[in-house]
Every structure is written in C-alpha cells, then in structure tokens.
C-alpha cells in the first residue's frame, strides 16, 4: 500500500501531538521536535515575522495557520524535505467525529494557511488517505495543502497525495492572491494542482501516479478555476512533468468552473517545460463538464519539449506567440512581489 511506502526512509520518530514546543531564548523562533505538536507552535505565534523550525521526524496531525500569523516562516531544520514530514489522512467524504457531516475538499487538507506572506520550505506536506482503504467513501478528494493567503511562498517542498493534492485558492472571489512555488515536487493523479490563485511554479517537478483503473484519462495535472477578471492564473515555467503510469494516460489539464462561480474562465500557461510520455500528446486537454469546453478557456503552451509536448493536432495545443509569451512570466504574474529575488 502506498501509505507504507510514502514515508519510507524518513528519519525521526512519529510525533505525538500535545507537547509544548520550545521557544528559543531571546529570539522569535519556535523549535518543534518529535513528540511536540506543530499546531501548538502555530498557536503560539503572536505577531508577524516569526519562524517555526520543524526538526526531522514524522508529524501526524492537521495543521492550520490563521490569517493573523502574517509573515510566518515554517521550515524544516535540514535541507532535505524528505526528513521532515507533516501528514494526515482525511478525505472529502471522511465523517467528522462530531457527526456534523463530512470534511469536504478544503476541510480534508493536512495543512491549511490563510496567512499573508507565508513561507514554507524544506519539508513535506502529505495526505496519505487511500481510495482502496475506503471503498465506502465516494468523496475521494484528499488535500495535502490548502493555501489562500496572498504572497504565499513554497520553496523546496514536497507535496504528496492522490486527488487534489494542492489547492491554490484566494481569500475572496474577487481577490487576485499570489503564490510562488520554487523547486517543489508535487505528485498526484486527479486535478492535483487546482484552484483560483495566481500561482507560479518555477523549476518544479510534477509527477503523475500509477492508477489502477481501466479507463483513460486516468487523471489530470492541473485544474485551474481562475476568475474571469483575473488576467493570470496558473503558470508552470522551466519545470518537468513525469509519470509512473503508462504512456498517454494523463492530460495536462481540464478547466474547473465551480458551481459557486460559474463566470470563471480558467487560465493555465505551461512554458519552457519538459513533458514526459505519460501525457497524451495528441489531446492533452479535456473537459470537466461539457458545458464549459476547454477550448473556450485560457489554456496555452510555449517552447515546451519532450515526448508529451510533440504537436500532432495543432488545434489541440494552443500556442503563445513570442510577443504573448513575454506577458506570461513570473514578474507579470507576481507584480511588485518578487520572492525569486530573495537570497
């Protein structure tokens, strides 16, 4: 089972929640070690610009960072993100313990943040809920990270789940909140990078999982739900897409037009990216619902390479011109916020 292999080789003992983390003397830094609760450390944040250092180990708990924790940095103590893992196993259809219903997609997240200016680095966020273990549950979305604060920055973070791994959202329907993912590894199977945020993925690795089903497509990498008024949605640049599945089993994307925002016009640009054979090169996009065909959305590519980027049916692969591509860069998407210029 994948749950048994997901965390294999990770150093440190399983953390037991409830122990108070240590505050470094004279500094605005909290240290969390195996046996401590990461959520307890988050709850102790009492002002902007604080740091939580999470030491190597596996922390099985749900973590929620409130909007009041602006400017928080959450980082693993080492440089290898595999050493520090925050993981839980709720799904959309998992019943809440209090009997009030199920968690829903957003509520299933292992890690949730509403904090503006959040930085997360050098660790793993995972949801190891498995469909095979819960055939009675039909709501199979199981989110690893749900982020909806402006200026959210993930660097050298692993994001692991199956369906709906990373939910890149905004604080309001009319907000154009920005998120930047650098050197991240993101894996899943269905719509595993999705949402309404303006999000840039630079030098990231997207990996589609092998899925034991008898139909294709077996899943999609992206499912943007960009507001119509927002000129910029999801941008993947200088990245790569690989697969553990057979050739052509996956699509690059499908548009998500939520029932609560039927005016959405999803936007995705994949450029300067290596696309492996796991992506269907002939028809790399598909519909989520026929009422909102992908051809009417803002899906484009530019200067991609690899077997999954070969163009055989030009109308199935909308291309940006060089002039158009100049308007789809990390700088135009993130505007006056430039996290990529930080040391």
Protein backbone atom coordinates (compact mmCIF):
# COMPACT_ATOMS: atom_id res chain seq x y z
CA UNK A 1 0.00 0.00 0.00
CA UNK A 2 1.22 3.49 -0.75
CA UNK A 3 0.80 4.63 2.88
CA UNK A 4 3.50 2.17 3.87
CA UNK A 5 5.94 3.47 1.25
CA UNK A 6 5.16 7.18 1.30
CA UNK A 7 7.21 7.87 4.40
CA UNK A 8 9.84 5.16 3.97
CA UNK A 9 13.37 6.24 4.73
CA UNK A 10 12.37 9.34 6.68
CA UNK A 11 14.39 9.92 9.81
CA UNK A 12 12.84 10.56 13.20
CA UNK A 13 10.06 9.11 15.31
CA UNK A 14 6.35 9.63 14.94
CA UNK A 15 5.35 12.83 16.71
CA UNK A 16 2.72 12.63 19.43
CA UNK A 17 0.66 15.80 19.48
CA UNK A 18 0.06 17.85 22.58
CA UNK A 19 3.57 18.55 23.83
CA UNK A 20 4.51 22.24 24.01
CA UNK A 21 7.29 23.21 21.58
CA UNK A 22 10.33 25.12 22.76
CA UNK A 23 10.79 28.86 22.22
CA UNK A 24 14.40 29.86 21.59
CA UNK A 25 15.55 32.27 24.28
CA UNK A 26 15.58 35.90 23.17
CA UNK A 27 14.51 35.08 19.61
CA UNK A 28 11.24 34.90 17.71
CA UNK A 29 11.89 31.28 16.75
CA UNK A 30 9.98 28.20 17.87
CA UNK A 31 11.56 24.76 17.59
CA UNK A 32 9.33 21.72 17.09
CA UNK A 33 10.79 18.26 17.70
CA UNK A 34 9.35 14.74 17.56
CA UNK A 35 6.89 14.49 20.43
CA UNK A 36 5.85 18.14 20.01
CA UNK A 37 2.74 19.43 18.28
CA UNK A 38 3.30 21.67 15.27
CA UNK A 39 -0.19 23.10 15.70
CA UNK A 40 0.69 24.06 19.27
CA UNK A 41 3.66 26.01 17.89
CA UNK A 42 1.44 27.75 15.34
CA UNK A 43 -0.97 28.67 18.13
CA UNK A 44 1.89 30.38 20.00
CA UNK A 45 2.67 32.75 17.11
CA UNK A 46 1.75 36.18 18.47
CA UNK A 47 2.98 38.57 15.82
CA UNK A 48 4.30 38.96 12.27
CA UNK A 49 7.61 37.68 11.01
CA UNK A 50 8.11 34.72 13.33
CA UNK A 51 9.73 31.40 12.43
CA UNK A 52 8.90 27.80 13.30
CA UNK A 53 11.73 25.30 12.76
CA UNK A 54 10.50 21.71 12.48
CA UNK A 55 13.14 19.11 13.27
CA UNK A 56 13.38 15.79 11.38
CA UNK A 57 10.53 13.42 12.07
CA UNK A 58 7.02 12.48 11.01
CA UNK A 59 4.27 14.64 12.48
CA UNK A 60 0.84 13.06 12.06
CA UNK A 61 -1.55 15.94 12.65
CA UNK A 62 -3.71 18.52 10.91
CA UNK A 63 -2.16 22.00 10.89
CA UNK A 64 -3.99 25.29 10.31
CA UNK A 65 -2.22 28.66 10.10
CA UNK A 66 -4.60 31.60 10.74
CA UNK A 67 -4.59 34.90 8.86
CA UNK A 68 -3.23 36.60 11.98
CA UNK A 69 0.11 34.77 11.58
CA UNK A 70 1.25 37.01 8.71
CA UNK A 71 4.85 36.74 7.60
CA UNK A 72 5.32 33.36 9.26
CA UNK A 73 8.19 31.15 8.09
CA UNK A 74 7.75 27.40 8.54
CA UNK A 75 10.80 25.38 7.65
CA UNK A 76 12.39 22.03 8.09
CA UNK A 77 15.57 22.01 10.13
CA UNK A 78 17.55 20.39 7.30
CA UNK A 79 17.78 20.91 3.57
CA UNK A 80 16.26 17.57 2.54
CA UNK A 81 12.44 17.91 2.58
CA UNK A 82 12.09 14.14 2.99
CA UNK A 83 13.45 14.39 6.53
CA UNK A 84 10.53 16.40 7.93
CA UNK A 85 7.00 15.25 7.12
CA UNK A 86 3.60 16.61 8.17
CA UNK A 87 0.92 14.08 7.21
CA UNK A 88 -2.69 13.14 7.89
CA UNK A 89 -5.42 11.11 6.18
CA UNK A 90 -8.75 12.95 5.92
CA UNK A 91 -10.73 12.95 2.67
CA UNK A 92 -13.69 14.94 1.38
CA UNK A 93 -16.05 12.14 2.40
CA UNK A 94 -14.48 11.32 5.76
CA UNK A 95 -17.12 11.75 8.51
CA UNK A 96 -16.33 14.38 11.13
CA UNK A 97 -16.02 12.94 14.64
CA UNK A 98 -18.75 15.25 15.96
CA UNK A 99 -21.32 13.89 13.49
CA UNK A 100 -21.73 17.24 11.74
CA UNK A 101 -21.15 15.79 8.27
CA UNK A 102 -18.03 15.18 6.22
CA UNK A 103 -14.89 17.27 5.93
CA UNK A 104 -15.38 18.41 2.32
CA UNK A 105 -12.50 19.04 -0.05
CA UNK A 106 -10.99 22.07 1.69
CA UNK A 107 -11.59 20.57 5.11
CA UNK A 108 -9.65 17.44 4.18
CA UNK A 109 -6.35 19.33 3.99
CA UNK A 110 -3.44 18.23 6.13
CA UNK A 111 -2.04 21.78 6.00
CA UNK A 112 -4.16 24.92 5.63
CA UNK A 113 -2.94 28.52 5.62
CA UNK A 114 -4.77 31.83 5.37
CA UNK A 115 -1.68 33.82 6.42
CA UNK A 116 -0.40 36.51 4.04
CA UNK A 117 3.34 36.43 3.46
CA UNK A 118 3.71 32.79 4.48
CA UNK A 119 6.97 30.99 3.62
CA UNK A 120 7.22 27.20 3.76
CA UNK A 121 10.48 25.47 2.92
CA UNK A 122 12.48 22.26 3.18
CA UNK A 123 9.75 19.87 4.31
CA UNK A 124 6.99 17.53 3.10
CA UNK A 125 3.23 18.04 3.32
CA UNK A 126 1.24 14.88 2.63
CA UNK A 127 -2.21 13.34 2.71
CA UNK A 128 -1.91 9.55 2.73
CA UNK A 129 -5.63 8.73 2.53
CA UNK A 130 -6.18 5.88 0.07
CA UNK A 131 -9.25 5.06 -2.02
CA UNK A 132 -8.56 1.33 -1.71
CA UNK A 133 -8.79 1.52 2.07
CA UNK A 134 -12.18 3.26 2.00
CA UNK A 135 -14.41 1.87 -0.78
CA UNK A 136 -17.46 3.19 1.10
CA UNK A 137 -16.36 6.83 0.58
CA UNK A 138 -17.20 8.50 -2.73
CA UNK A 139 -15.75 11.93 -1.91
CA UNK A 140 -12.17 10.91 -2.66
CA UNK A 141 -10.52 14.34 -2.78
CA UNK A 142 -7.78 14.39 -0.12
CA UNK A 143 -5.77 17.62 0.01
CA UNK A 144 -2.17 17.87 1.22
CA UNK A 145 -2.00 21.70 1.27
CA UNK A 146 -4.75 24.33 1.03
CA UNK A 147 -3.30 27.83 0.71
CA UNK A 148 -5.23 31.05 0.28
CA UNK A 149 -3.10 33.88 1.62
CA UNK A 150 -1.54 36.47 -0.69
CA UNK A 151 2.25 36.22 -1.13
CA UNK A 152 2.45 32.55 -0.21
CA UNK A 153 5.91 31.16 -0.98
CA UNK A 154 6.84 27.45 -1.03
CA UNK A 155 10.49 26.54 -1.65
CA UNK A 156 11.92 23.02 -1.79
CA UNK A 157 8.66 21.49 -0.53
CA UNK A 158 7.30 18.04 -1.38
CA UNK A 159 3.50 17.84 -1.76
CA UNK A 160 2.16 14.28 -1.79
CA UNK A 161 -1.37 12.96 -2.22
CA UNK A 162 -3.61 11.47 -4.90
CA UNK A 163 -6.64 13.58 -5.84
CA UNK A 164 -6.48 17.38 -5.27
CA UNK A 165 -3.00 17.43 -3.74
CA UNK A 166 -2.50 21.22 -3.84
CA UNK A 167 -5.42 23.66 -3.54
CA UNK A 168 -4.15 27.13 -4.54
CA UNK A 169 -7.01 29.40 -3.61
CA UNK A 170 -7.71 33.08 -2.87
CA UNK A 171 -9.15 34.89 0.12
CA UNK A 172 -12.22 36.05 -1.83
CA UNK A 173 -13.83 35.56 -5.23
CA UNK A 174 -12.64 38.99 -6.36
CA UNK A 175 -9.10 38.68 -4.91
CA UNK A 176 -6.08 38.02 -7.15
CA UNK A 177 -3.90 36.50 -4.43
CA UNK A 178 -0.40 35.43 -5.49
CA UNK A 179 1.53 32.25 -4.74
CA UNK A 180 5.02 31.19 -5.76
CA UNK A 181 6.31 27.61 -5.77
CA UNK A 182 10.01 27.10 -6.40
CA UNK A 183 11.88 23.78 -6.62
CA UNK A 184 8.82 21.88 -5.40
CA UNK A 185 7.91 18.26 -6.06
CA UNK A 186 4.15 17.70 -6.48
CA UNK A 187 2.57 14.31 -7.12
CA UNK A 188 -0.97 13.03 -7.52
CA UNK A 189 -3.46 11.67 -10.01
CA UNK A 190 -6.68 13.70 -10.44
CA UNK A 191 -6.63 17.54 -10.66
CA UNK A 192 -3.72 17.55 -8.26
CA UNK A 193 -2.84 21.23 -8.76
CA UNK A 194 -6.05 23.26 -8.75
CA UNK A 195 -7.68 26.50 -7.68
CA UNK A 196 -8.27 30.18 -8.33
CA UNK A 197 -4.96 31.75 -7.23
CA UNK A 198 -2.42 33.47 -9.41
CA UNK A 199 0.28 30.84 -8.90
CA UNK A 200 3.73 30.50 -10.45
CA UNK A 201 5.52 27.15 -10.44
CA UNK A 202 9.19 27.58 -11.29
CA UNK A 203 11.67 24.70 -11.56
CA UNK A 204 9.05 22.34 -10.14
CA UNK A 205 8.56 18.63 -10.76
CA UNK A 206 5.02 17.35 -11.32
CA UNK A 207 4.62 13.57 -11.16
CA UNK A 208 1.52 11.60 -12.13
CA UNK A 209 0.99 8.40 -10.19
CA UNK A 210 0.21 4.94 -11.49
CA UNK A 211 -3.52 4.39 -11.03
CA UNK A 212 -5.24 1.00 -11.08
CA UNK A 213 -8.30 1.87 -13.16
CA UNK A 214 -9.46 0.57 -16.55
CA UNK A 215 -10.20 3.92 -18.20
CA UNK A 216 -8.32 6.88 -19.61
CA UNK A 217 -7.57 9.57 -18.98
CA UNK A 218 -6.53 8.39 -15.56
CA UNK A 219 -6.18 11.94 -14.35
CA UNK A 220 -5.03 15.50 -14.97
CA UNK A 221 -2.17 17.55 -13.57
CA UNK A 222 -3.90 20.96 -13.43
CA UNK A 223 -7.48 22.15 -12.87
CA UNK A 224 -7.44 25.96 -12.68
CA UNK A 225 -10.56 27.93 -11.72
CA UNK A 226 -9.30 31.45 -12.44
CA UNK A 227 -11.75 34.33 -12.12
CA UNK A 228 -12.69 35.83 -15.46
CA UNK A 229 -11.45 39.27 -14.35
CA UNK A 230 -8.02 37.94 -13.42
CA UNK A 231 -5.58 38.13 -16.37
CA UNK A 232 -3.31 35.50 -14.82
CA UNK A 233 -3.98 32.04 -13.40
CA UNK A 234 -1.53 29.13 -13.14
CA UNK A 235 1.92 29.36 -14.75
CA UNK A 236 4.40 26.47 -14.92
CA UNK A 237 7.82 27.56 -16.17
CA UNK A 238 11.12 25.72 -16.53
CA UNK A 239 9.59 22.65 -14.92
CA UNK A 240 9.05 19.00 -15.82
CA UNK A 241 6.17 16.54 -15.87
CA UNK A 242 6.91 12.86 -15.36
CA UNK A 243 4.71 9.83 -14.80
CA UNK A 244 4.60 6.47 -13.08
CA UNK A 245 1.75 5.46 -15.39
CA UNK A 246 1.75 4.16 -18.94
CA UNK A 247 2.30 6.48 -21.89
CA UNK A 248 -0.55 8.83 -22.74
CA UNK A 249 -2.59 8.01 -19.62
CA UNK A 250 -2.80 11.60 -18.33
CA UNK A 251 -3.90 15.02 -19.53
CA UNK A 252 -2.13 18.28 -18.77
CA UNK A 253 -5.32 19.94 -17.57
CA UNK A 254 -9.04 20.41 -17.51
CA UNK A 255 -10.90 23.60 -16.56
CA UNK A 256 -12.73 23.78 -13.25
CA UNK A 257 -15.73 26.11 -13.26
CA UNK A 258 -17.13 25.86 -9.71
CA UNK A 259 -20.86 25.88 -9.10
CA UNK A 260 -20.34 28.91 -6.83
CA UNK A 261 -18.52 30.87 -9.56
CA UNK A 262 -19.94 29.94 -12.94
CA UNK A 263 -18.37 33.01 -14.56
CA UNK A 264 -14.85 31.65 -14.00
CA UNK A 265 -12.58 31.39 -17.05
CA UNK A 266 -9.69 29.15 -16.07
CA UNK A 267 -6.19 30.17 -17.12
CA UNK A 268 -3.11 27.96 -17.46
CA UNK A 269 0.21 28.51 -19.23
CA UNK A 270 2.85 25.79 -19.40
CA UNK A 271 6.09 27.04 -20.90
CA UNK A 272 9.75 26.06 -21.21
CA UNK A 273 8.83 22.75 -19.57
CA UNK A 274 9.79 19.15 -20.31
CA UNK A 275 6.69 16.99 -20.69
CA UNK A 276 7.15 13.24 -20.49
CA UNK A 277 5.36 10.44 -22.35
CA UNK A 278 2.78 9.99 -19.58
CA UNK A 279 0.88 12.97 -21.05
CA UNK A 280 -1.40 12.41 -24.05
CA UNK A 281 0.39 14.44 -26.71
CA UNK A 282 -2.45 14.18 -29.24
CA UNK A 283 -5.16 15.55 -26.93
CA UNK A 284 -3.52 16.97 -23.79
CA UNK A 285 -6.63 18.82 -22.53
CA UNK A 286 -10.13 17.67 -21.70
CA UNK A 287 -13.39 18.95 -20.19
CA UNK A 288 -14.54 18.63 -16.63
CA UNK A 289 -18.09 19.38 -17.80
CA UNK A 290 -19.22 19.71 -21.39
CA UNK A 291 -20.99 22.98 -20.58
CA UNK A 292 -17.52 24.54 -20.15
CA UNK A 293 -15.32 23.25 -23.00
CA UNK A 294 -11.60 23.68 -22.53
CA UNK A 295 -11.31 25.36 -25.94
CA UNK A 296 -13.17 28.40 -24.55
CA UNK A 297 -10.73 28.74 -21.66
CA UNK A 298 -7.28 30.31 -21.46
CA UNK A 299 -5.03 27.28 -21.93
CA UNK A 300 -1.70 27.86 -23.70
CA UNK A 301 1.78 26.43 -24.12
CA UNK A 302 5.12 27.86 -25.20
CA UNK A 303 8.51 26.35 -26.00
CA UNK A 304 7.92 23.03 -24.28
CA UNK A 305 9.92 19.88 -25.05
CA UNK A 306 9.77 16.13 -24.52
CA UNK A 307 7.59 13.37 -25.98
CA UNK A 308 4.45 14.69 -24.27
CA UNK A 309 4.95 18.08 -25.94
CA UNK A 310 5.01 16.85 -29.54
CA UNK A 311 2.33 18.56 -31.63
CA UNK A 312 0.38 16.26 -33.93
CA UNK A 313 -3.01 18.04 -33.87
CA UNK A 314 -2.24 21.78 -33.71
CA UNK A 315 -5.78 22.81 -32.69
CA UNK A 316 -5.43 20.66 -29.56
CA UNK A 317 -2.34 22.56 -28.39
CA UNK A 318 -2.93 26.34 -28.26
CA UNK A 319 0.39 28.18 -28.54
CA UNK A 320 1.53 31.58 -27.40
CA UNK A 321 3.38 33.78 -29.84
CA UNK A 322 6.72 35.18 -28.67
CA UNK A 323 5.01 38.52 -28.01
CA UNK A 324 2.27 36.84 -25.97
CA UNK A 325 4.79 34.74 -24.07
CA UNK A 326 6.53 37.91 -22.90
CA UNK A 327 3.37 38.70 -20.94
CA UNK A 328 3.38 35.35 -19.14
CA UNK A 329 6.37 35.47 -16.81
CA UNK A 330 6.86 35.24 -13.07
CA UNK A 331 7.27 39.02 -12.97
CA UNK A 332 3.99 39.80 -14.72
CA UNK A 333 2.09 37.27 -12.61
CA UNK A 334 3.52 38.28 -9.24
CA UNK A 335 3.72 42.03 -9.98
CA UNK A 336 5.51 44.02 -7.26
CA UNK A 337 6.11 40.91 -5.12
CA UNK A 338 9.41 39.28 -6.14
CA UNK A 339 10.22 36.32 -3.88
CA UNK A 340 12.56 34.92 -6.52
CA UNK A 341 14.96 37.79 -5.86
CA UNK A 342 15.45 36.90 -2.21
CA UNK A 343 18.67 35.15 -1.17
